[in-house]
């Protein structure tokens, strides 16, 4: 049986595609290559180039024989920038998902794993977030992900969709050779780019209510995240019960300043970060319990920050960017 992976030429999507193929699944990738890369495509996957905003492209991908379900990863993921581009964010993440879901309904494809986000929670004042925490997104990006979850909830009632949403926290590292995070907005991409140019990496805000004043985030390894998608796909296919949403987090947070200190240890490059004002839409602390994902999806990451950074740095250098 076949799974369609939207955004399968990207950082997370590329890892998910490889993981599905290793488990013996056939995979079709749909990606417009706006942020994805042909080099990230798994050789065993069938590739369809196009956007979720192009309905005929979506319908063509959905017409693949034996399509069992969809892993929906494609989307616009920049929370801070979404504050400045709200309509673009909603078009990419809400209109695109509407096209995908309506096409699934038309083609009688009912299984879907949705790439959601910790951004649905917003700025919370609890130490560790579990799935019972109320959602209160603080950016159009987070809002668009929550709308996606609502759409799935309603289609489960109206059309029998079987679904789960994986609420990612900060995904880092690399398990597949040549597939790393090339986003111009992610923390490690920005830090690696700066230090290889001899520039000072930037910290946006050092006056948050955290131990060192910088934002605290839960960093998760991309390889183990990909394995969660495979486990969810197996459960959906076999008709076993799944929660509607899972936090994919380690329960341990690291501040931006602590990440930069770890980068210095891993790379051997010393630097002094530049402190800038806060960005709109950035909550102070986002750390998650991954207990439900551990129970159902086999999620059990090491959470070793330096190992995650080392794999990301090795990938960055392998692409000739150092």
C-alpha atoms as a PDB file:
ATOM      1  CA  UNK A   1       0.000   0.000   0.000  1.00  0.00           C
ATOM      2  CA  UNK A   2       1.044   3.584  -0.704  1.00  0.00           C
ATOM      3  CA  UNK A   3       1.309   6.722   1.416  1.00  0.00           C
ATOM      4  CA  UNK A   4       1.318  10.249   0.011  1.00  0.00           C
ATOM      5  CA  UNK A   5       3.764  12.586   1.769  1.00  0.00           C
ATOM      6  CA  UNK A   6       3.151  16.273   1.147  1.00  0.00           C
ATOM      7  CA  UNK A   7       6.324  18.280   1.645  1.00  0.00           C
ATOM      8  CA  UNK A   8       8.382  15.117   1.214  1.00  0.00           C
ATOM      9  CA  UNK A   9      11.313  17.007  -0.320  1.00  0.00           C
ATOM     10  CA  UNK A  10      11.825  19.017   2.855  1.00  0.00           C
ATOM     11  CA  UNK A  11      13.819  18.483   6.025  1.00  0.00           C
ATOM     12  CA  UNK A  12      11.178  16.618   8.027  1.00  0.00           C
ATOM     13  CA  UNK A  13       9.345  15.234   4.988  1.00  0.00           C
ATOM     14  CA  UNK A  14      12.540  13.772   3.566  1.00  0.00           C
ATOM     15  CA  UNK A  15      13.224  11.922   6.804  1.00  0.00           C
ATOM     16  CA  UNK A  16       9.628  10.681   6.981  1.00  0.00           C
ATOM     17  CA  UNK A  17       9.785   9.421   3.400  1.00  0.00           C
ATOM     18  CA  UNK A  18      12.981   7.483   4.084  1.00  0.00           C
ATOM     19  CA  UNK A  19      11.468   5.993   7.251  1.00  0.00           C
ATOM     20  CA  UNK A  20       8.319   4.860   5.440  1.00  0.00           C
ATOM     21  CA  UNK A  21      10.326   3.287   2.627  1.00  0.00           C
ATOM     22  CA  UNK A  22      12.479   1.389   5.129  1.00  0.00           C
ATOM     23  CA  UNK A  23       9.280  -0.092   6.561  1.00  0.00           C
ATOM     24  CA  UNK A  24       8.295  -1.398   3.147  1.00  0.00           C
ATOM     25  CA  UNK A  25       5.725   1.280   2.284  1.00  0.00           C
ATOM     26  CA  UNK A  26       5.412   2.710  -1.212  1.00  0.00           C
ATOM     27  CA  UNK A  27       5.611   6.501  -1.111  1.00  0.00           C
ATOM     28  CA  UNK A  28       4.479   9.294  -3.416  1.00  0.00           C
ATOM     29  CA  UNK A  29       5.906  12.732  -2.630  1.00  0.00           C
ATOM     30  CA  UNK A  30       4.029  15.924  -3.498  1.00  0.00           C
ATOM     31  CA  UNK A  31       6.158  19.061  -3.118  1.00  0.00           C
ATOM     32  CA  UNK A  32       6.349  22.396  -4.912  1.00  0.00           C
ATOM     33  CA  UNK A  33      10.077  22.738  -4.036  1.00  0.00           C
ATOM     34  CA  UNK A  34       9.509  26.244  -2.660  1.00  0.00           C
ATOM     35  CA  UNK A  35      11.467  25.261   0.437  1.00  0.00           C
ATOM     36  CA  UNK A  36      12.151  21.600  -0.349  1.00  0.00           C
ATOM     37  CA  UNK A  37      15.082  20.290  -2.402  1.00  0.00           C
ATOM     38  CA  UNK A  38      15.371  17.600  -5.038  1.00  0.00           C
ATOM     39  CA  UNK A  39      18.470  16.348  -3.216  1.00  0.00           C
ATOM     40  CA  UNK A  40      16.258  15.482  -0.221  1.00  0.00           C
ATOM     41  CA  UNK A  41      14.014  13.182  -2.270  1.00  0.00           C
ATOM     42  CA  UNK A  42      14.357   9.504  -1.433  1.00  0.00           C
ATOM     43  CA  UNK A  43      15.344   7.492  -4.503  1.00  0.00           C
ATOM     44  CA  UNK A  44      12.601   4.940  -3.937  1.00  0.00           C
ATOM     45  CA  UNK A  45       9.756   7.467  -3.847  1.00  0.00           C
ATOM     46  CA  UNK A  46       7.630   8.633  -6.760  1.00  0.00           C
ATOM     47  CA  UNK A  47       7.771  12.420  -7.087  1.00  0.00           C
ATOM     48  CA  UNK A  48       4.999  14.802  -8.148  1.00  0.00           C
ATOM     49  CA  UNK A  49       5.987  18.460  -8.345  1.00  0.00           C
ATOM     50  CA  UNK A  50       3.256  20.945  -7.541  1.00  0.00           C
ATOM     51  CA  UNK A  51       1.462  23.010  -4.939  1.00  0.00           C
ATOM     52  CA  UNK A  52      -1.453  22.130  -2.692  1.00  0.00           C
ATOM     53  CA  UNK A  53      -3.056  25.313  -4.002  1.00  0.00           C
ATOM     54  CA  UNK A  54      -3.323  23.669  -7.446  1.00  0.00           C
ATOM     55  CA  UNK A  55      -6.316  21.387  -7.115  1.00  0.00           C
ATOM     56  CA  UNK A  56      -5.643  19.426 -10.290  1.00  0.00           C
ATOM     57  CA  UNK A  57      -2.147  18.596  -8.992  1.00  0.00           C
ATOM     58  CA  UNK A  58      -3.580  17.363  -5.699  1.00  0.00           C
ATOM     59  CA  UNK A  59      -6.223  15.277  -7.466  1.00  0.00           C
ATOM     60  CA  UNK A  60      -3.583  13.731  -9.702  1.00  0.00           C
ATOM     61  CA  UNK A  61      -1.485  12.694  -6.688  1.00  0.00           C
ATOM     62  CA  UNK A  62      -4.574  11.403  -4.888  1.00  0.00           C
ATOM     63  CA  UNK A  63      -5.416   9.167  -7.849  1.00  0.00           C
ATOM     64  CA  UNK A  64      -2.432   6.870  -7.252  1.00  0.00           C
ATOM     65  CA  UNK A  65      -3.557   3.249  -7.137  1.00  0.00           C
ATOM     66  CA  UNK A  66      -3.721   1.722  -3.663  1.00  0.00           C
ATOM     67  CA  UNK A  67      -3.349   4.987  -1.759  1.00  0.00           C
ATOM     68  CA  UNK A  68      -3.710   4.148   1.932  1.00  0.00           C
ATOM     69  CA  UNK A  69      -3.287   7.542   3.519  1.00  0.00           C
ATOM     70  CA  UNK A  70      -1.585  10.909   3.652  1.00  0.00           C
ATOM     71  CA  UNK A  71       1.201  12.349   5.779  1.00  0.00           C
ATOM     72  CA  UNK A  72       0.578  16.079   5.496  1.00  0.00           C
ATOM     73  CA  UNK A  73       3.784  18.003   6.206  1.00  0.00           C
ATOM     74  CA  UNK A  74       3.787  20.693   3.508  1.00  0.00           C
ATOM     75  CA  UNK A  75       3.114  24.210   4.718  1.00  0.00           C
ATOM     76  CA  UNK A  76       4.427  27.596   5.703  1.00  0.00           C
ATOM     77  CA  UNK A  77       6.105  27.181   9.082  1.00  0.00           C
ATOM     78  CA  UNK A  78       7.648  30.472  10.125  1.00  0.00           C
ATOM     79  CA  UNK A  79       5.837  31.692  13.250  1.00  0.00           C
ATOM     80  CA  UNK A  80       7.603  35.015  13.616  1.00  0.00           C
ATOM     81  CA  UNK A  81       7.342  35.911   9.938  1.00  0.00           C
ATOM     82  CA  UNK A  82       3.688  34.847   9.859  1.00  0.00           C
ATOM     83  CA  UNK A  83       2.836  37.893  11.982  1.00  0.00           C
ATOM     84  CA  UNK A  84       3.938  40.040   9.038  1.00  0.00           C
ATOM     85  CA  UNK A  85       2.376  37.753   6.402  1.00  0.00           C
ATOM     86  CA  UNK A  86      -0.899  36.494   7.892  1.00  0.00           C
ATOM     87  CA  UNK A  87      -2.836  36.113   4.630  1.00  0.00           C
ATOM     88  CA  UNK A  88       0.030  34.235   2.994  1.00  0.00           C
ATOM     89  CA  UNK A  89       0.153  31.949   6.025  1.00  0.00           C
ATOM     90  CA  UNK A  90      -3.568  31.191   5.884  1.00  0.00           C
ATOM     91  CA  UNK A  91      -3.474  30.630   2.133  1.00  0.00           C
ATOM     92  CA  UNK A  92      -0.632  28.122   2.357  1.00  0.00           C
ATOM     93  CA  UNK A  93      -1.727  26.311   5.502  1.00  0.00           C
ATOM     94  CA  UNK A  94      -5.517  26.548   5.490  1.00  0.00           C
ATOM     95  CA  UNK A  95      -6.510  26.826   1.821  1.00  0.00           C
ATOM     96  CA  UNK A  96      -3.859  24.267   0.868  1.00  0.00           C
ATOM     97  CA  UNK A  97      -5.114  21.847   3.502  1.00  0.00           C
ATOM     98  CA  UNK A  98      -8.723  22.410   2.424  1.00  0.00           C
ATOM     99  CA  UNK A  99      -7.778  21.373  -1.116  1.00  0.00           C
ATOM    100  CA  UNK A 100      -5.985  18.298   0.213  1.00  0.00           C
ATOM    101  CA  UNK A 101      -8.829  17.195   2.479  1.00  0.00           C
ATOM    102  CA  UNK A 102     -11.525  17.780  -0.108  1.00  0.00           C
ATOM    103  CA  UNK A 103      -9.538  15.760  -2.616  1.00  0.00           C
ATOM    104  CA  UNK A 104      -9.086  12.970  -0.053  1.00  0.00           C
ATOM    105  CA  UNK A 105     -12.841  12.947   0.519  1.00  0.00           C
ATOM    106  CA  UNK A 106     -13.519  12.762  -3.225  1.00  0.00           C
ATOM    107  CA  UNK A 107     -11.081   9.880  -3.669  1.00  0.00           C
ATOM    108  CA  UNK A 108     -12.236   7.944  -0.572  1.00  0.00           C
ATOM    109  CA  UNK A 109      -8.880   8.261   1.191  1.00  0.00           C
ATOM    110  CA  UNK A 110      -9.604   8.512   4.904  1.00  0.00           C
ATOM    111  CA  UNK A 111      -6.303   8.165   6.811  1.00  0.00           C
ATOM    112  CA  UNK A 112      -4.197  11.243   7.533  1.00  0.00           C
ATOM    113  CA  UNK A 113      -1.298  12.216   9.806  1.00  0.00           C
ATOM    114  CA  UNK A 114      -1.053  15.992  10.186  1.00  0.00           C
ATOM    115  CA  UNK A 115       2.123  17.928  10.886  1.00  0.00           C
ATOM    116  CA  UNK A 116       0.887  20.273  13.599  1.00  0.00           C
ATOM    117  CA  UNK A 117       2.964  22.369  15.982  1.00  0.00           C
ATOM    118  CA  UNK A 118       3.665  23.386  19.543  1.00  0.00           C
ATOM    119  CA  UNK A 119       2.637  26.846  18.354  1.00  0.00           C
ATOM    120  CA  UNK A 120      -1.010  25.884  18.927  1.00  0.00           C
ATOM    121  CA  UNK A 121      -0.430  26.330  22.672  1.00  0.00           C
ATOM    122  CA  UNK A 122       0.964  29.855  22.543  1.00  0.00           C
ATOM    123  CA  UNK A 123       2.671  31.321  25.608  1.00  0.00           C
ATOM    124  CA  UNK A 124       1.876  29.065  28.555  1.00  0.00           C
ATOM    125  CA  UNK A 125       2.786  29.370  32.231  1.00  0.00           C
ATOM    126  CA  UNK A 126       3.113  25.680  33.072  1.00  0.00           C
ATOM    127  CA  UNK A 127       6.432  23.884  33.369  1.00  0.00           C
ATOM    128  CA  UNK A 128       5.707  21.047  30.928  1.00  0.00           C
ATOM    129  CA  UNK A 129       2.816  21.063  28.451  1.00  0.00           C
ATOM    130  CA  UNK A 130       0.616  18.018  27.989  1.00  0.00           C
ATOM    131  CA  UNK A 131      -2.184  17.526  25.479  1.00  0.00           C
ATOM    132  CA  UNK A 132      -4.805  18.756  27.947  1.00  0.00           C
ATOM    133  CA  UNK A 133      -3.298  22.239  27.965  1.00  0.00           C
ATOM    134  CA  UNK A 134      -5.739  24.733  26.382  1.00  0.00           C
ATOM    135  CA  UNK A 135      -4.739  25.930  22.930  1.00  0.00           C
ATOM    136  CA  UNK A 136      -4.089  29.656  22.599  1.00  0.00           C
ATOM    137  CA  UNK A 137      -1.840  30.372  19.601  1.00  0.00           C
ATOM    138  CA  UNK A 138      -0.021  33.700  19.478  1.00  0.00           C
ATOM    139  CA  UNK A 139       0.773  33.849  15.754  1.00  0.00           C
ATOM    140  CA  UNK A 140      -1.065  33.315  12.466  1.00  0.00           C
ATOM    141  CA  UNK A 141       1.139  30.254  11.979  1.00  0.00           C
ATOM    142  CA  UNK A 142      -0.064  28.679  15.223  1.00  0.00           C
ATOM    143  CA  UNK A 143      -3.637  29.644  14.416  1.00  0.00           C
ATOM    144  CA  UNK A 144      -3.410  28.052  10.977  1.00  0.00           C
ATOM    145  CA  UNK A 145      -2.213  24.781  12.511  1.00  0.00           C
ATOM    146  CA  UNK A 146      -5.060  24.790  14.997  1.00  0.00           C
ATOM    147  CA  UNK A 147      -7.546  25.384  12.174  1.00  0.00           C
ATOM    148  CA  UNK A 148      -6.068  22.316  10.460  1.00  0.00           C
ATOM    149  CA  UNK A 149      -6.734  20.241  13.571  1.00  0.00           C
ATOM    150  CA  UNK A 150     -10.323  21.532  13.714  1.00  0.00           C
ATOM    151  CA  UNK A 151     -10.866  20.565  10.084  1.00  0.00           C
ATOM    152  CA  UNK A 152      -9.737  17.015  10.831  1.00  0.00           C
ATOM    153  CA  UNK A 153     -11.954  16.832  13.914  1.00  0.00           C
ATOM    154  CA  UNK A 154     -14.994  17.831  11.872  1.00  0.00           C
ATOM    155  CA  UNK A 155     -14.214  15.469   8.987  1.00  0.00           C
ATOM    156  CA  UNK A 156     -13.900  12.593  11.444  1.00  0.00           C
ATOM    157  CA  UNK A 157     -17.516  13.252  12.413  1.00  0.00           C
ATOM    158  CA  UNK A 158     -18.897  13.931   8.946  1.00  0.00           C
ATOM    159  CA  UNK A 159     -16.889  11.602   6.710  1.00  0.00           C
ATOM    160  CA  UNK A 160     -15.221   9.026   8.934  1.00  0.00           C
ATOM    161  CA  UNK A 161     -11.685  10.361   8.577  1.00  0.00           C
ATOM    162  CA  UNK A 162      -9.145   8.591  10.785  1.00  0.00           C
ATOM    163  CA  UNK A 163      -6.476  11.037  11.823  1.00  0.00           C
ATOM    164  CA  UNK A 164      -3.910  12.201  14.301  1.00  0.00           C
ATOM    165  CA  UNK A 165      -1.975  15.440  14.631  1.00  0.00           C
ATOM    166  CA  UNK A 166       1.656  15.395  15.736  1.00  0.00           C
ATOM    167  CA  UNK A 167       2.422  18.631  17.544  1.00  0.00           C
ATOM    168  CA  UNK A 168       6.122  19.033  16.854  1.00  0.00           C
ATOM    169  CA  UNK A 169       8.355  21.050  19.071  1.00  0.00           C
ATOM    170  CA  UNK A 170      11.759  22.257  17.766  1.00  0.00           C
ATOM    171  CA  UNK A 171      13.028  19.686  15.285  1.00  0.00           C
ATOM    172  CA  UNK A 172      16.805  19.486  14.819  1.00  0.00           C
ATOM    173  CA  UNK A 173      19.577  17.158  13.695  1.00  0.00           C
ATOM    174  CA  UNK A 174      19.908  14.843  10.718  1.00  0.00           C
ATOM    175  CA  UNK A 175      19.707  11.078  10.317  1.00  0.00           C
ATOM    176  CA  UNK A 176      19.698  10.806   6.533  1.00  0.00           C
ATOM    177  CA  UNK A 177      22.813  11.866   4.675  1.00  0.00           C
ATOM    178  CA  UNK A 178      22.320  15.161   2.871  1.00  0.00           C
ATOM    179  CA  UNK A 179      18.953  15.947   4.445  1.00  0.00           C
ATOM    180  CA  UNK A 180      19.315  18.737   6.965  1.00  0.00           C
ATOM    181  CA  UNK A 181      17.376  21.790   8.015  1.00  0.00           C
ATOM    182  CA  UNK A 182      18.064  24.419   5.362  1.00  0.00           C
ATOM    183  CA  UNK A 183      15.419  26.853   6.598  1.00  0.00           C
ATOM    184  CA  UNK A 184      16.756  30.420   6.693  1.00  0.00           C
ATOM    185  CA  UNK A 185      14.763  31.008   9.897  1.00  0.00           C
ATOM    186  CA  UNK A 186      15.634  28.052  12.144  1.00  0.00           C
ATOM    187  CA  UNK A 187      17.964  28.700  15.054  1.00  0.00           C
ATOM    188  CA  UNK A 188      20.758  26.324  14.057  1.00  0.00           C
ATOM    189  CA  UNK A 189      20.712  27.424  10.407  1.00  0.00           C
ATOM    190  CA  UNK A 190      21.049  31.034  11.511  1.00  0.00           C
ATOM    191  CA  UNK A 191      23.827  30.254  13.995  1.00  0.00           C
ATOM    192  CA  UNK A 192      25.784  28.032  11.590  1.00  0.00           C
ATOM    193  CA  UNK A 193      25.481  30.598   8.829  1.00  0.00           C
ATOM    194  CA  UNK A 194      26.679  33.401  11.061  1.00  0.00           C
ATOM    195  CA  UNK A 195      29.700  31.649  12.528  1.00  0.00           C
ATOM    196  CA  UNK A 196      30.915  30.388   9.151  1.00  0.00           C
ATOM    197  CA  UNK A 197      30.762  33.984   7.853  1.00  0.00           C
ATOM    198  CA  UNK A 198      32.586  35.278  10.895  1.00  0.00           C
ATOM    199  CA  UNK A 199      29.470  37.148  12.036  1.00  0.00           C
ATOM    200  CA  UNK A 200      27.803  37.208  15.465  1.00  0.00           C
ATOM    201  CA  UNK A 201      24.713  35.002  15.892  1.00  0.00           C
ATOM    202  CA  UNK A 202      21.673  36.885  17.123  1.00  0.00           C
ATOM    203  CA  UNK A 203      19.460  36.306  20.142  1.00  0.00           C
ATOM    204  CA  UNK A 204      16.016  37.896  19.944  1.00  0.00           C
ATOM    205  CA  UNK A 205      15.292  39.001  23.474  1.00  0.00           C
ATOM    206  CA  UNK A 206      17.100  38.379  26.752  1.00  0.00           C
ATOM    207  CA  UNK A 207      14.393  39.723  29.057  1.00  0.00           C
ATOM    208  CA  UNK A 208      11.996  36.759  29.141  1.00  0.00           C
ATOM    209  CA  UNK A 209      10.956  35.198  32.443  1.00  0.00           C
ATOM    210  CA  UNK A 210      13.428  32.324  32.099  1.00  0.00           C
ATOM    211  CA  UNK A 211      16.616  31.482  33.984  1.00  0.00           C
ATOM    212  CA  UNK A 212      18.925  33.353  31.604  1.00  0.00           C
ATOM    213  CA  UNK A 213      16.325  35.636  30.010  1.00  0.00           C
ATOM    214  CA  UNK A 214      16.311  33.907  26.614  1.00  0.00           C
ATOM    215  CA  UNK A 215      13.528  31.747  25.140  1.00  0.00           C
ATOM    216  CA  UNK A 216      13.393  28.115  26.199  1.00  0.00           C
ATOM    217  CA  UNK A 217      12.448  25.421  23.715  1.00  0.00           C
ATOM    218  CA  UNK A 218      12.123  21.634  23.574  1.00  0.00           C
ATOM    219  CA  UNK A 219      14.510  20.283  20.905  1.00  0.00           C
ATOM    220  CA  UNK A 220      13.662  16.927  19.329  1.00  0.00           C
ATOM    221  CA  UNK A 221      15.659  14.690  16.945  1.00  0.00           C
ATOM    222  CA  UNK A 222      14.274  14.504  13.432  1.00  0.00           C
ATOM    223  CA  UNK A 223      15.040  10.802  12.948  1.00  0.00           C
ATOM    224  CA  UNK A 224      12.966   9.701  15.918  1.00  0.00           C
ATOM    225  CA  UNK A 225      10.211  12.106  14.852  1.00  0.00           C
ATOM    226  CA  UNK A 226      10.108  10.377  11.465  1.00  0.00           C
ATOM    227  CA  UNK A 227       9.712   7.030  13.218  1.00  0.00           C
ATOM    228  CA  UNK A 228       6.644   8.400  15.033  1.00  0.00           C
ATOM    229  CA  UNK A 229       5.013   9.023  11.659  1.00  0.00           C
ATOM    230  CA  UNK A 230       5.660   5.418  10.640  1.00  0.00           C
ATOM    231  CA  UNK A 231       4.148   4.139  13.876  1.00  0.00           C
ATOM    232  CA  UNK A 232       1.096   6.365  13.422  1.00  0.00           C
ATOM    233  CA  UNK A 233       0.684   5.210   9.816  1.00  0.00           C
ATOM    234  CA  UNK A 234       0.736   1.580  10.934  1.00  0.00           C
ATOM    235  CA  UNK A 235      -1.885   2.201  13.619  1.00  0.00           C
ATOM    236  CA  UNK A 236      -4.168   4.110  11.255  1.00  0.00           C
ATOM    237  CA  UNK A 237      -3.889   1.405   8.596  1.00  0.00           C
ATOM    238  CA  UNK A 238      -4.664  -1.367  11.056  1.00  0.00           C
ATOM    239  CA  UNK A 239      -7.679   0.435  12.516  1.00  0.00           C
ATOM    240  CA  UNK A 240      -6.221   0.726  15.999  1.00  0.00           C
ATOM    241  CA  UNK A 241      -7.162   3.705  18.182  1.00  0.00           C
ATOM    242  CA  UNK A 242      -5.062   6.861  18.223  1.00  0.00           C
ATOM    243  CA  UNK A 243      -5.285  10.112  20.125  1.00  0.00           C
ATOM    244  CA  UNK A 244      -6.376  13.059  18.010  1.00  0.00           C
ATOM    245  CA  UNK A 245      -3.147  14.880  18.938  1.00  0.00           C
ATOM    246  CA  UNK A 246       0.250  13.956  20.340  1.00  0.00           C
ATOM    247  CA  UNK A 247       2.934  16.229  21.702  1.00  0.00           C
ATOM    248  CA  UNK A 248       6.301  15.228  20.293  1.00  0.00           C
ATOM    249  CA  UNK A 249       8.628  16.622  22.946  1.00  0.00           C
ATOM    250  CA  UNK A 250      11.275  15.504  25.412  1.00  0.00           C
ATOM    251  CA  UNK A 251      10.014  17.239  28.543  1.00  0.00           C
ATOM    252  CA  UNK A 252      13.325  19.093  28.798  1.00  0.00           C
ATOM    253  CA  UNK A 253      13.917  22.664  27.670  1.00  0.00           C
ATOM    254  CA  UNK A 254      17.075  24.421  26.556  1.00  0.00           C
ATOM    255  CA  UNK A 255      17.419  28.185  26.318  1.00  0.00           C
ATOM    256  CA  UNK A 256      18.631  29.903  23.171  1.00  0.00           C
ATOM    257  CA  UNK A 257      21.737  30.997  25.056  1.00  0.00           C
ATOM    258  CA  UNK A 258      22.376  27.397  26.162  1.00  0.00           C
ATOM    259  CA  UNK A 259      22.004  26.164  22.577  1.00  0.00           C
ATOM    260  CA  UNK A 260      24.565  28.700  21.416  1.00  0.00           C
ATOM    261  CA  UNK A 261      26.975  27.574  24.146  1.00  0.00           C
ATOM    262  CA  UNK A 262      26.509  23.979  22.965  1.00  0.00           C
ATOM    263  CA  UNK A 263      27.170  25.048  19.364  1.00  0.00           C
ATOM    264  CA  UNK A 264      30.484  26.516  20.477  1.00  0.00           C
ATOM    265  CA  UNK A 265      31.447  23.238  22.165  1.00  0.00           C
ATOM    266  CA  UNK A 266      30.446  21.121  19.150  1.00  0.00           C
ATOM    267  CA  UNK A 267      32.026  23.304  16.461  1.00  0.00           C
ATOM    268  CA  UNK A 268      35.006  24.609  18.414  1.00  0.00           C
ATOM    269  CA  UNK A 269      34.177  28.104  17.157  1.00  0.00           C
ATOM    270  CA  UNK A 270      33.967  30.775  19.861  1.00  0.00           C
ATOM    271  CA  UNK A 271      31.569  33.707  19.468  1.00  0.00           C
ATOM    272  CA  UNK A 272      29.623  36.299  21.440  1.00  0.00           C
ATOM    273  CA  UNK A 273      25.943  36.491  20.490  1.00  0.00           C
ATOM    274  CA  UNK A 274      24.356  39.814  19.593  1.00  0.00           C
ATOM    275  CA  UNK A 275      21.279  40.628  21.660  1.00  0.00           C
ATOM    276  CA  UNK A 276      18.330  42.102  19.732  1.00  0.00           C
ATOM    277  CA  UNK A 277      14.744  42.990  20.759  1.00  0.00           C
ATOM    278  CA  UNK A 278      12.100  40.299  21.033  1.00  0.00           C
ATOM    279  CA  UNK A 279      10.211  39.115  17.953  1.00  0.00           C
ATOM    280  CA  UNK A 280       6.441  39.231  17.869  1.00  0.00           C
ATOM    281  CA  UNK A 281       4.844  35.798  18.266  1.00  0.00           C
ATOM    282  CA  UNK A 282       7.701  34.182  20.218  1.00  0.00           C
ATOM    283  CA  UNK A 283       6.531  32.691  23.557  1.00  0.00           C
ATOM    284  CA  UNK A 284       8.979  32.569  26.474  1.00  0.00           C
ATOM    285  CA  UNK A 285       8.918  28.823  27.124  1.00  0.00           C
ATOM    286  CA  UNK A 286       7.580  25.846  25.199  1.00  0.00           C
ATOM    287  CA  UNK A 287       8.428  22.427  26.640  1.00  0.00           C
ATOM    288  CA  UNK A 288       6.280  19.314  26.224  1.00  0.00           C
ATOM    289  CA  UNK A 289       5.492  16.005  27.780  1.00  0.00           C
ATOM    290  CA  UNK A 290       5.864  13.206  25.242  1.00  0.00           C
ATOM    291  CA  UNK A 291       4.271  10.532  27.438  1.00  0.00           C
ATOM    292  CA  UNK A 292       1.291   9.818  25.176  1.00  0.00           C
ATOM    293  CA  UNK A 293       3.575   9.494  22.139  1.00  0.00           C
ATOM    294  CA  UNK A 294       5.840   7.212  24.157  1.00  0.00           C
ATOM    295  CA  UNK A 295       2.861   5.027  25.092  1.00  0.00           C
ATOM    296  CA  UNK A 296       1.372   4.748  21.580  1.00  0.00           C
ATOM    297  CA  UNK A 297       4.062   5.630  19.036  1.00  0.00           C
ATOM    298  CA  UNK A 298       7.277   4.285  20.548  1.00  0.00           C
ATOM    299  CA  UNK A 299       8.637   7.807  21.051  1.00  0.00           C
ATOM    300  CA  UNK A 300      11.722   7.560  23.278  1.00  0.00           C
ATOM    301  CA  UNK A 301      14.366  10.076  22.159  1.00  0.00           C
ATOM    302  CA  UNK A 302      17.666  10.480  23.971  1.00  0.00           C
ATOM    303  CA  UNK A 303      17.226  14.244  24.150  1.00  0.00           C
ATOM    304  CA  UNK A 304      21.000  14.742  23.987  1.00  0.00           C
ATOM    305  CA  UNK A 305      21.283  18.312  22.731  1.00  0.00           C
ATOM    306  CA  UNK A 306      24.932  18.137  21.704  1.00  0.00           C
ATOM    307  CA  UNK A 307      24.372  14.975  19.657  1.00  0.00           C
ATOM    308  CA  UNK A 308      21.497  16.663  17.819  1.00  0.00           C
ATOM    309  CA  UNK A 309      23.615  19.737  17.159  1.00  0.00           C
ATOM    310  CA  UNK A 310      26.559  17.589  16.042  1.00  0.00           C
ATOM    311  CA  UNK A 311      24.479  15.726  13.467  1.00  0.00           C
ATOM    312  CA  UNK A 312      23.105  19.041  12.179  1.00  0.00           C
ATOM    313  CA  UNK A 313      26.603  20.532  11.982  1.00  0.00           C
ATOM    314  CA  UNK A 314      27.947  17.469  10.151  1.00  0.00           C
ATOM    315  CA  UNK A 315      25.111  17.769   7.622  1.00  0.00           C
ATOM    316  CA  UNK A 316      25.723  21.504   7.216  1.00  0.00           C
ATOM    317  CA  UNK A 317      29.406  20.910   6.462  1.00  0.00           C
ATOM    318  CA  UNK A 318      28.630  18.005   4.128  1.00  0.00           C
ATOM    319  CA  UNK A 319      26.668  20.410   1.932  1.00  0.00           C
ATOM    320  CA  UNK A 320      29.758  22.570   1.560  1.00  0.00           C
ATOM    321  CA  UNK A 321      28.374  25.406   3.658  1.00  0.00           C
ATOM    322  CA  UNK A 322      31.324  25.686   6.042  1.00  0.00           C
END
